[in-house]
Amino acid sequence: MSAPDGSPVGAERSIGQLFASATTEMSALVHDEIALAKAQLKQDVKRGVASGGAFTVAAVLLLFSLPMLNFALAYGIRTWSHWNLAICFLLSFAANVLVAAVLALIGLVFAKKTKKSQGPQKVAASMKETAGVLQNAKPHPRPELPQDRVPEAIEAVARSAS
C-alpha cells in the first residue's frame, strides 16, 4: 500500500513531499467545493424554470381558454339562472381570472423558494470555515534536541537522505 505521492505508508516523507501532498489535497478540496456550488446553483435554476413555467402556463391558459370557457360558462349560467347574458359573461370571465390567479400563486411560491435557497451561501460559509481552520492551524511542537546531538550531525543526515 502506498501514499498518494507513491511513497510507502509509514515511510518518512520530506517537507517538500508533505507540502506537495497538502497542496494537492487543498486543491482537491477547493475543486470539490466549486462542484458543490455548481450542483446547488443547478438546483436553483431548475426551481426558477419551474416558476417561470407555472407563470407561462397560467398566461397561456388564460389567453386560450377565455373565449371558449366564457361562452360555455355564460350560456350555462343563463340556462340555469335566466339572468341577463352580459352578467353571465362577466361571471364566466371572473371564474377564468380566479383559475389564472391560483396558477400565478403557485408560480410565486416556487419563485420564493428559489429566492430563499441557501445553496451558494452554504458553500461560501463552508469555504470560509475551511480557510479559517487552516489559518489557525499550528504545527505540532517539535521535541527539543538532546544535548549530545549536534546540528552538524543532523545536517549530515539530512544531506545523505536527499
N, C-alpha and C. Protein backbone atom coordinates (compact mmCIF):
# COMPACT_ATOMS: atom_id res chain seq x y z
N MET A 1 0.84 -1.17 0.00
CA MET A 1 0.00 0.00 0.00
C MET A 1 0.89 1.23 0.00
N SER A 2 0.46 2.31 -0.70
CA SER A 2 1.30 3.50 -0.77
C SER A 2 0.46 4.75 -0.57
N ALA A 3 1.14 5.83 -0.23
CA ALA A 3 0.50 7.14 -0.04
C ALA A 3 0.17 7.73 -1.41
N PRO A 4 -0.60 8.83 -1.45
CA PRO A 4 -0.97 9.42 -2.74
C PRO A 4 0.22 9.82 -3.60
N ASP A 5 1.36 10.13 -2.96
CA ASP A 5 2.52 10.54 -3.77
C ASP A 5 3.38 9.36 -4.20
N GLY A 6 2.97 8.13 -3.87
CA GLY A 6 3.69 6.94 -4.31
C GLY A 6 4.65 6.39 -3.28
N SER A 7 4.90 7.11 -2.19
CA SER A 7 5.82 6.59 -1.19
C SER A 7 5.10 5.58 -0.30
N PRO A 8 5.82 4.63 0.25
CA PRO A 8 5.17 3.63 1.09
C PRO A 8 4.58 4.27 2.35
N VAL A 9 3.46 3.68 2.81
CA VAL A 9 2.80 4.20 4.01
C VAL A 9 3.70 3.95 5.20
N GLY A 10 3.80 4.93 6.07
CA GLY A 10 4.64 4.80 7.25
C GLY A 10 6.07 5.24 7.01
N ALA A 11 6.45 5.49 5.77
CA ALA A 11 7.81 5.93 5.49
C ALA A 11 7.93 7.42 5.81
N GLU A 12 9.12 7.82 6.19
CA GLU A 12 9.36 9.24 6.45
C GLU A 12 9.31 9.99 5.13
N ARG A 13 8.59 11.09 5.12
CA ARG A 13 8.50 11.89 3.91
C ARG A 13 9.14 13.23 4.18
N SER A 14 9.72 13.82 3.15
CA SER A 14 10.38 15.11 3.31
C SER A 14 9.33 16.21 3.42
N ILE A 15 9.76 17.38 3.84
CA ILE A 15 8.87 18.52 3.97
C ILE A 15 8.29 18.88 2.61
N GLY A 16 9.09 18.77 1.58
CA GLY A 16 8.61 19.05 0.23
C GLY A 16 7.48 18.11 -0.17
N GLN A 17 7.65 16.82 0.15
CA GLN A 17 6.60 15.85 -0.16
C GLN A 17 5.33 16.14 0.65
N LEU A 18 5.51 16.48 1.92
CA LEU A 18 4.36 16.82 2.75
C LEU A 18 3.65 18.06 2.23
N PHE A 19 4.44 19.06 1.84
CA PHE A 19 3.85 20.30 1.32
C PHE A 19 3.12 20.01 0.00
N ALA A 20 3.72 19.20 -0.87
CA ALA A 20 3.07 18.86 -2.13
C ALA A 20 1.78 18.09 -1.88
N SER A 21 1.80 17.18 -0.92
CA SER A 21 0.60 16.43 -0.59
C SER A 21 -0.49 17.35 -0.03
N ALA A 22 -0.10 18.27 0.85
CA ALA A 22 -1.08 19.21 1.42
C ALA A 22 -1.65 20.12 0.33
N THR A 23 -0.81 20.56 -0.58
CA THR A 23 -1.26 21.42 -1.68
C THR A 23 -2.25 20.68 -2.57
N THR A 24 -1.93 19.42 -2.88
CA THR A 24 -2.82 18.61 -3.71
C THR A 24 -4.17 18.41 -3.03
N GLU A 25 -4.14 18.10 -1.75
CA GLU A 25 -5.39 17.90 -1.02
C GLU A 25 -6.19 19.19 -0.91
N MET A 26 -5.51 20.31 -0.71
CA MET A 26 -6.19 21.61 -0.65
C MET A 26 -6.83 21.93 -1.99
N SER A 27 -6.12 21.64 -3.06
CA SER A 27 -6.66 21.88 -4.40
C SER A 27 -7.90 21.01 -4.65
N ALA A 28 -7.83 19.77 -4.23
CA ALA A 28 -8.98 18.87 -4.38
C ALA A 28 -10.17 19.37 -3.56
N LEU A 29 -9.90 19.88 -2.37
CA LEU A 29 -10.98 20.42 -1.53
C LEU A 29 -11.64 21.62 -2.21
N VAL A 30 -10.84 22.51 -2.77
CA VAL A 30 -11.40 23.69 -3.44
C VAL A 30 -12.21 23.25 -4.66
N HIS A 31 -11.71 22.28 -5.42
CA HIS A 31 -12.46 21.78 -6.58
C HIS A 31 -13.78 21.14 -6.16
N ASP A 32 -13.76 20.40 -5.05
CA ASP A 32 -15.00 19.79 -4.55
C ASP A 32 -15.99 20.85 -4.10
N GLU A 33 -15.50 21.91 -3.46
CA GLU A 33 -16.39 23.00 -3.03
C GLU A 33 -17.02 23.69 -4.24
N ILE A 34 -16.24 23.88 -5.29
CA ILE A 34 -16.76 24.51 -6.51
C ILE A 34 -17.80 23.60 -7.16
N ALA A 35 -17.54 22.30 -7.19
CA ALA A 35 -18.51 21.35 -7.77
C ALA A 35 -19.81 21.36 -6.97
N LEU A 36 -19.70 21.46 -5.65
CA LEU A 36 -20.90 21.53 -4.81
C LEU A 36 -21.69 22.80 -5.11
N ALA A 37 -21.00 23.92 -5.25
CA ALA A 37 -21.68 25.18 -5.57
C ALA A 37 -22.39 25.09 -6.92
N LYS A 38 -21.74 24.47 -7.90
CA LYS A 38 -22.37 24.31 -9.21
C LYS A 38 -23.63 23.46 -9.12
N ALA A 39 -23.57 22.38 -8.36
CA ALA A 39 -24.73 21.49 -8.22
C ALA A 39 -25.89 22.22 -7.55
N GLN A 40 -25.58 23.02 -6.53
CA GLN A 40 -26.65 23.74 -5.85
C GLN A 40 -27.21 24.85 -6.73
N LEU A 41 -26.38 25.49 -7.53
CA LEU A 41 -26.89 26.50 -8.46
C LEU A 41 -27.77 25.87 -9.52
N LYS A 42 -27.41 24.67 -9.96
CA LYS A 42 -28.24 23.95 -10.93
C LYS A 42 -29.63 23.70 -10.37
N GLN A 43 -29.69 23.31 -9.11
CA GLN A 43 -30.97 23.05 -8.46
C GLN A 43 -31.78 24.35 -8.38
N ASP A 44 -31.13 25.47 -8.07
CA ASP A 44 -31.83 26.75 -8.01
C ASP A 44 -32.35 27.16 -9.38
N VAL A 45 -31.58 26.89 -10.41
CA VAL A 45 -32.03 27.22 -11.77
C VAL A 45 -33.25 26.38 -12.14
N LYS A 46 -33.24 25.10 -11.76
CA LYS A 46 -34.40 24.24 -12.04
C LYS A 46 -35.66 24.78 -11.36
N ARG A 47 -35.51 25.24 -10.12
CA ARG A 47 -36.67 25.82 -9.44
C ARG A 47 -37.14 27.09 -10.14
N GLY A 48 -36.20 27.89 -10.60
CA GLY A 48 -36.57 29.10 -11.33
C GLY A 48 -37.29 28.78 -12.62
N VAL A 49 -36.84 27.74 -13.30
CA VAL A 49 -37.50 27.33 -14.54
C VAL A 49 -38.92 26.83 -14.24
N ALA A 50 -39.09 26.10 -13.15
CA ALA A 50 -40.42 25.63 -12.76
C ALA A 50 -41.33 26.81 -12.47
N SER A 51 -40.80 27.82 -11.81
CA SER A 51 -41.59 29.02 -11.51
C SER A 51 -42.00 29.73 -12.80
N GLY A 52 -41.05 29.93 -13.69
CA GLY A 52 -41.36 30.56 -14.97
C GLY A 52 -42.35 29.74 -15.78
N GLY A 53 -42.22 28.42 -15.71
CA GLY A 53 -43.15 27.54 -16.42
C GLY A 53 -44.57 27.68 -15.88
N ALA A 54 -44.71 27.78 -14.56
CA ALA A 54 -46.04 27.94 -13.97
C ALA A 54 -46.66 29.27 -14.39
N PHE A 55 -45.86 30.33 -14.40
CA PHE A 55 -46.37 31.63 -14.85
C PHE A 55 -46.78 31.56 -16.33
N THR A 56 -45.99 30.90 -17.13
CA THR A 56 -46.30 30.79 -18.55
C THR A 56 -47.57 29.99 -18.77
N VAL A 57 -47.71 28.88 -18.07
CA VAL A 57 -48.92 28.07 -18.20
C VAL A 57 -50.14 28.88 -17.77
N ALA A 58 -50.00 29.67 -16.71
CA ALA A 58 -51.13 30.50 -16.26
C ALA A 58 -51.53 31.50 -17.34
N ALA A 59 -50.56 32.13 -17.96
CA ALA A 59 -50.86 33.12 -19.01
C ALA A 59 -51.47 32.45 -20.25
N VAL A 60 -50.91 31.33 -20.66
CA VAL A 60 -51.44 30.63 -21.84
C VAL A 60 -52.85 30.12 -21.57
N LEU A 61 -53.06 29.58 -20.39
CA LEU A 61 -54.39 29.10 -20.03
C LEU A 61 -55.41 30.23 -20.07
N LEU A 62 -55.05 31.34 -19.50
CA LEU A 62 -55.97 32.48 -19.50
C LEU A 62 -56.24 32.96 -20.92
N LEU A 63 -55.21 33.03 -21.72
CA LEU A 63 -55.35 33.53 -23.09
C LEU A 63 -56.22 32.62 -23.96
N PHE A 64 -55.92 31.34 -23.97
CA PHE A 64 -56.62 30.43 -24.89
C PHE A 64 -57.96 29.93 -24.36
N SER A 65 -58.15 29.96 -23.06
CA SER A 65 -59.41 29.43 -22.54
C SER A 65 -60.50 30.48 -22.43
N LEU A 66 -60.12 31.72 -22.46
CA LEU A 66 -61.12 32.77 -22.28
C LEU A 66 -62.28 32.70 -23.27
N PRO A 67 -62.04 32.67 -24.56
CA PRO A 67 -63.19 32.67 -25.46
C PRO A 67 -64.09 31.44 -25.28
N MET A 68 -63.50 30.26 -25.30
CA MET A 68 -64.31 29.05 -25.22
C MET A 68 -65.00 28.91 -23.87
N LEU A 69 -64.24 29.12 -22.81
CA LEU A 69 -64.83 28.98 -21.48
C LEU A 69 -65.86 30.07 -21.19
N ASN A 70 -65.59 31.27 -21.66
CA ASN A 70 -66.55 32.35 -21.41
C ASN A 70 -67.89 32.06 -22.08
N PHE A 71 -67.85 31.63 -23.30
CA PHE A 71 -69.11 31.33 -23.99
C PHE A 71 -69.84 30.16 -23.31
N ALA A 72 -69.12 29.10 -23.05
CA ALA A 72 -69.76 27.93 -22.46
C ALA A 72 -70.32 28.23 -21.07
N LEU A 73 -69.53 28.89 -20.26
CA LEU A 73 -69.96 29.19 -18.91
C LEU A 73 -71.10 30.21 -18.89
N ALA A 74 -70.97 31.24 -19.72
CA ALA A 74 -72.01 32.28 -19.75
C ALA A 74 -73.36 31.68 -20.18
N TYR A 75 -73.36 30.86 -21.21
CA TYR A 75 -74.62 30.25 -21.65
C TYR A 75 -75.13 29.24 -20.63
N GLY A 76 -74.21 28.57 -19.93
CA GLY A 76 -74.63 27.64 -18.88
C GLY A 76 -75.30 28.38 -17.73
N ILE A 77 -74.70 29.50 -17.30
CA ILE A 77 -75.29 30.30 -16.22
C ILE A 77 -76.65 30.85 -16.65
N ARG A 78 -76.73 31.32 -17.89
CA ARG A 78 -78.01 31.87 -18.40
C ARG A 78 -79.09 30.79 -18.40
N THR A 79 -78.73 29.59 -18.81
CA THR A 79 -79.70 28.49 -18.83
C THR A 79 -80.17 28.16 -17.41
N TRP A 80 -79.25 28.18 -16.48
CA TRP A 80 -79.57 27.80 -15.11
C TRP A 80 -80.35 28.90 -14.36
N SER A 81 -79.94 30.19 -14.57
CA SER A 81 -80.48 31.27 -13.75
C SER A 81 -81.44 32.21 -14.47
N HIS A 82 -81.44 32.21 -15.80
CA HIS A 82 -82.24 33.13 -16.60
C HIS A 82 -81.87 34.60 -16.35
N TRP A 83 -80.57 34.85 -16.03
CA TRP A 83 -80.11 36.23 -15.84
C TRP A 83 -79.80 36.83 -17.19
N ASN A 84 -79.49 38.11 -17.16
CA ASN A 84 -79.07 38.82 -18.36
C ASN A 84 -77.77 38.19 -18.87
N LEU A 85 -77.62 38.08 -20.18
CA LEU A 85 -76.45 37.43 -20.79
C LEU A 85 -75.15 38.16 -20.46
N ALA A 86 -75.17 39.47 -20.34
CA ALA A 86 -73.96 40.24 -20.01
C ALA A 86 -73.43 39.87 -18.63
N ILE A 87 -74.32 39.73 -17.66
CA ILE A 87 -73.91 39.33 -16.31
C ILE A 87 -73.33 37.93 -16.34
N CYS A 88 -73.89 37.07 -17.13
CA CYS A 88 -73.39 35.69 -17.25
C CYS A 88 -71.97 35.67 -17.83
N PHE A 89 -71.69 36.55 -18.81
CA PHE A 89 -70.34 36.63 -19.37
C PHE A 89 -69.35 37.19 -18.35
N LEU A 90 -69.75 38.16 -17.54
CA LEU A 90 -68.87 38.69 -16.50
C LEU A 90 -68.54 37.62 -15.46
N LEU A 91 -69.51 36.82 -15.07
CA LEU A 91 -69.24 35.74 -14.13
C LEU A 91 -68.30 34.69 -14.73
N SER A 92 -68.45 34.43 -16.00
CA SER A 92 -67.58 33.49 -16.69
C SER A 92 -66.14 34.01 -16.70
N PHE A 93 -65.97 35.28 -17.00
CA PHE A 93 -64.64 35.89 -17.00
C PHE A 93 -64.02 35.84 -15.60
N ALA A 94 -64.81 36.12 -14.58
CA ALA A 94 -64.31 36.10 -13.20
C ALA A 94 -63.81 34.70 -12.82
N ALA A 95 -64.48 33.68 -13.28
CA ALA A 95 -64.05 32.31 -12.99
C ALA A 95 -62.69 32.03 -13.63
N ASN A 96 -62.49 32.51 -14.86
CA ASN A 96 -61.20 32.31 -15.54
C ASN A 96 -60.08 33.08 -14.84
N VAL A 97 -60.36 34.28 -14.39
CA VAL A 97 -59.35 35.06 -13.67
C VAL A 97 -58.98 34.36 -12.36
N LEU A 98 -59.95 33.76 -11.70
CA LEU A 98 -59.68 33.03 -10.46
C LEU A 98 -58.73 31.86 -10.69
N VAL A 99 -58.96 31.09 -11.74
CA VAL A 99 -58.08 29.97 -12.07
C VAL A 99 -56.67 30.47 -12.39
N ALA A 100 -56.57 31.54 -13.17
CA ALA A 100 -55.25 32.10 -13.50
C ALA A 100 -54.55 32.62 -12.26
N ALA A 101 -55.28 33.21 -11.32
CA ALA A 101 -54.68 33.71 -10.08
C ALA A 101 -54.12 32.58 -9.24
N VAL A 102 -54.83 31.45 -9.19
CA VAL A 102 -54.33 30.29 -8.44
C VAL A 102 -53.03 29.79 -9.05
N LEU A 103 -52.95 29.70 -10.38
CA LEU A 103 -51.72 29.26 -11.04
C LEU A 103 -50.59 30.27 -10.83
N ALA A 104 -50.91 31.55 -10.84
CA ALA A 104 -49.89 32.56 -10.59
C ALA A 104 -49.36 32.46 -9.15
N LEU A 105 -50.22 32.15 -8.20
CA LEU A 105 -49.78 31.96 -6.82
C LEU A 105 -48.86 30.76 -6.69
N ILE A 106 -49.16 29.71 -7.43
CA ILE A 106 -48.27 28.54 -7.43
C ILE A 106 -46.90 28.95 -7.97
N GLY A 107 -46.88 29.72 -9.04
CA GLY A 107 -45.62 30.21 -9.58
C GLY A 107 -44.88 31.09 -8.59
N LEU A 108 -45.60 31.91 -7.84
CA LEU A 108 -45.00 32.78 -6.84
C LEU A 108 -44.37 31.97 -5.71
N VAL A 109 -45.02 30.89 -5.30
CA VAL A 109 -44.46 30.03 -4.26
C VAL A 109 -43.13 29.44 -4.72
N PHE A 110 -43.08 28.95 -5.95
CA PHE A 110 -41.82 28.40 -6.47
C PHE A 110 -40.75 29.48 -6.57
N ALA A 111 -41.14 30.69 -6.97
CA ALA A 111 -40.18 31.78 -7.08
C ALA A 111 -39.61 32.14 -5.71
N LYS A 112 -40.43 32.15 -4.67
CA LYS A 112 -39.94 32.46 -3.32
C LYS A 112 -39.01 31.37 -2.81
N LYS A 113 -39.32 30.10 -3.13
CA LYS A 113 -38.44 29.01 -2.72
C LYS A 113 -37.08 29.15 -3.38
N THR A 114 -37.08 29.55 -4.64
CA THR A 114 -35.82 29.74 -5.34
C THR A 114 -35.03 30.89 -4.74
N LYS A 115 -35.72 31.96 -4.39
CA LYS A 115 -35.07 33.14 -3.84
C LYS A 115 -34.50 32.85 -2.45
N LYS A 116 -35.19 32.02 -1.66
CA LYS A 116 -34.76 31.72 -0.30
C LYS A 116 -33.68 30.65 -0.24
N SER A 117 -33.38 30.03 -1.36
CA SER A 117 -32.41 28.94 -1.37
C SER A 117 -31.07 29.42 -0.83
N GLN A 118 -30.48 28.63 0.03
CA GLN A 118 -29.23 28.99 0.68
C GLN A 118 -28.04 28.19 0.15
N GLY A 119 -28.20 27.56 -1.02
CA GLY A 119 -27.13 26.71 -1.54
C GLY A 119 -25.79 27.39 -1.67
N PRO A 120 -25.67 28.46 -2.47
CA PRO A 120 -24.37 29.11 -2.63
C PRO A 120 -23.86 29.72 -1.32
N GLN A 121 -24.75 30.22 -0.48
CA GLN A 121 -24.31 30.81 0.78
C GLN A 121 -23.72 29.74 1.70
N LYS A 122 -24.30 28.54 1.67
CA LYS A 122 -23.76 27.45 2.49
C LYS A 122 -22.35 27.07 2.03
N VAL A 123 -22.16 27.02 0.73
CA VAL A 123 -20.84 26.67 0.19
C VAL A 123 -19.83 27.74 0.55
N ALA A 124 -20.21 29.02 0.42
CA ALA A 124 -19.30 30.11 0.75
C ALA A 124 -18.93 30.06 2.24
N ALA A 125 -19.91 29.79 3.10
CA ALA A 125 -19.63 29.70 4.53
C ALA A 125 -18.70 28.52 4.82
N SER A 126 -18.91 27.41 4.13
CA SER A 126 -18.05 26.24 4.32
C SER A 126 -16.62 26.53 3.90
N MET A 127 -16.47 27.24 2.77
CA MET A 127 -15.12 27.58 2.31
C MET A 127 -14.44 28.53 3.28
N LYS A 128 -15.19 29.51 3.82
CA LYS A 128 -14.61 30.44 4.81
C LYS A 128 -14.21 29.69 6.07
N GLU A 129 -15.03 28.73 6.48
CA GLU A 129 -14.71 27.95 7.66
C GLU A 129 -13.44 27.13 7.44
N THR A 130 -13.32 26.53 6.27
CA THR A 130 -12.12 25.75 5.95
C THR A 130 -10.89 26.65 5.97
N ALA A 131 -11.01 27.84 5.36
CA ALA A 131 -9.88 28.77 5.34
C ALA A 131 -9.53 29.22 6.75
N GLY A 132 -10.54 29.45 7.59
CA GLY A 132 -10.29 29.85 8.97
C GLY A 132 -9.57 28.78 9.76
N VAL A 133 -9.98 27.54 9.56
CA VAL A 133 -9.32 26.43 10.26
C VAL A 133 -7.86 26.32 9.81
N LEU A 134 -7.63 26.46 8.52
CA LEU A 134 -6.26 26.35 8.01
C LEU A 134 -5.39 27.51 8.47
N GLN A 135 -5.97 28.71 8.60
CA GLN A 135 -5.18 29.86 9.07
C GLN A 135 -4.81 29.70 10.53
N ASN A 136 -5.70 29.08 11.32
CA ASN A 136 -5.44 28.93 12.75
C ASN A 136 -4.68 27.66 13.08
N ALA A 137 -4.37 26.86 12.08
CA ALA A 137 -3.66 25.60 12.33
C ALA A 137 -2.23 25.90 12.76
N LYS A 138 -1.82 25.22 13.79
CA LYS A 138 -0.45 25.39 14.29
C LYS A 138 0.28 24.08 14.11
N PRO A 139 1.56 24.15 13.77
CA PRO A 139 2.31 22.90 13.61
C PRO A 139 2.48 22.21 14.97
N HIS A 140 2.66 20.91 14.90
CA HIS A 140 2.89 20.16 16.12
C HIS A 140 4.20 20.62 16.74
N PRO A 141 4.24 20.73 18.06
CA PRO A 141 5.51 21.14 18.69
C PRO A 141 6.56 20.05 18.49
N ARG A 142 7.75 20.49 18.21
CA ARG A 142 8.85 19.53 18.00
C ARG A 142 9.60 19.35 19.32
N PRO A 143 9.98 18.12 19.56
CA PRO A 143 10.74 17.90 20.80
C PRO A 143 12.10 18.56 20.72
N GLU A 144 12.57 18.95 21.85
CA GLU A 144 13.88 19.60 21.89
C GLU A 144 14.95 18.55 21.63
N LEU A 145 16.00 18.98 20.97
CA LEU A 145 17.11 18.07 20.66
C LEU A 145 17.92 17.81 21.92
N PRO A 146 18.30 16.55 22.11
CA PRO A 146 19.18 16.27 23.25
C PRO A 146 20.53 16.95 23.04
N GLN A 147 21.20 17.20 24.11
CA GLN A 147 22.47 17.93 24.05
C GLN A 147 23.55 17.16 23.31
N ASP A 148 23.44 15.85 23.28
CA ASP A 148 24.50 15.08 22.62
C ASP A 148 24.38 15.11 21.09
N ARG A 149 23.26 15.58 20.56
CA ARG A 149 23.09 15.65 19.10
C ARG A 149 23.52 17.03 18.65
N VAL A 150 24.41 17.06 17.79
CA VAL A 150 24.99 18.31 17.31
C VAL A 150 24.30 18.68 15.99
N PRO A 151 24.05 19.97 15.72
CA PRO A 151 23.41 20.38 14.47
C PRO A 151 24.16 19.89 13.23
N GLU A 152 25.49 19.77 13.32
CA GLU A 152 26.23 19.30 12.14
C GLU A 152 25.87 17.86 11.81
N ALA A 153 25.64 17.05 12.83
CA ALA A 153 25.26 15.65 12.60
C ALA A 153 23.87 15.57 11.95
N ILE A 154 23.01 16.46 12.36
CA ILE A 154 21.67 16.48 11.79
C ILE A 154 21.73 16.91 10.33
N GLU A 155 22.57 17.90 10.04
CA GLU A 155 22.72 18.34 8.64
C GLU A 155 23.31 17.23 7.79
N ALA A 156 24.22 16.47 8.32
CA ALA A 156 24.82 15.37 7.57
C ALA A 156 23.78 14.30 7.25
N VAL A 157 22.92 14.00 8.22
CA VAL A 157 21.86 13.01 7.98
C VAL A 157 20.90 13.55 6.93
N ALA A 158 20.56 14.83 7.00
CA ALA A 158 19.65 15.42 6.02
C ALA A 158 20.25 15.39 4.64
N ARG A 159 21.56 15.67 4.49
CA ARG A 159 22.19 15.63 3.18
C ARG A 159 22.24 14.22 2.62
N SER A 160 22.44 13.24 3.48
CA SER A 160 22.52 11.85 2.99
C SER A 160 21.14 11.33 2.60
N ALA A 161 20.08 11.84 3.22
CA ALA A 161 18.73 11.39 2.91
C ALA A 161 18.24 11.98 1.59
N SER A 162 18.75 13.11 1.22
CA SER A 162 18.25 13.75 0.00
C SER A 162 19.03 13.39 -1.19
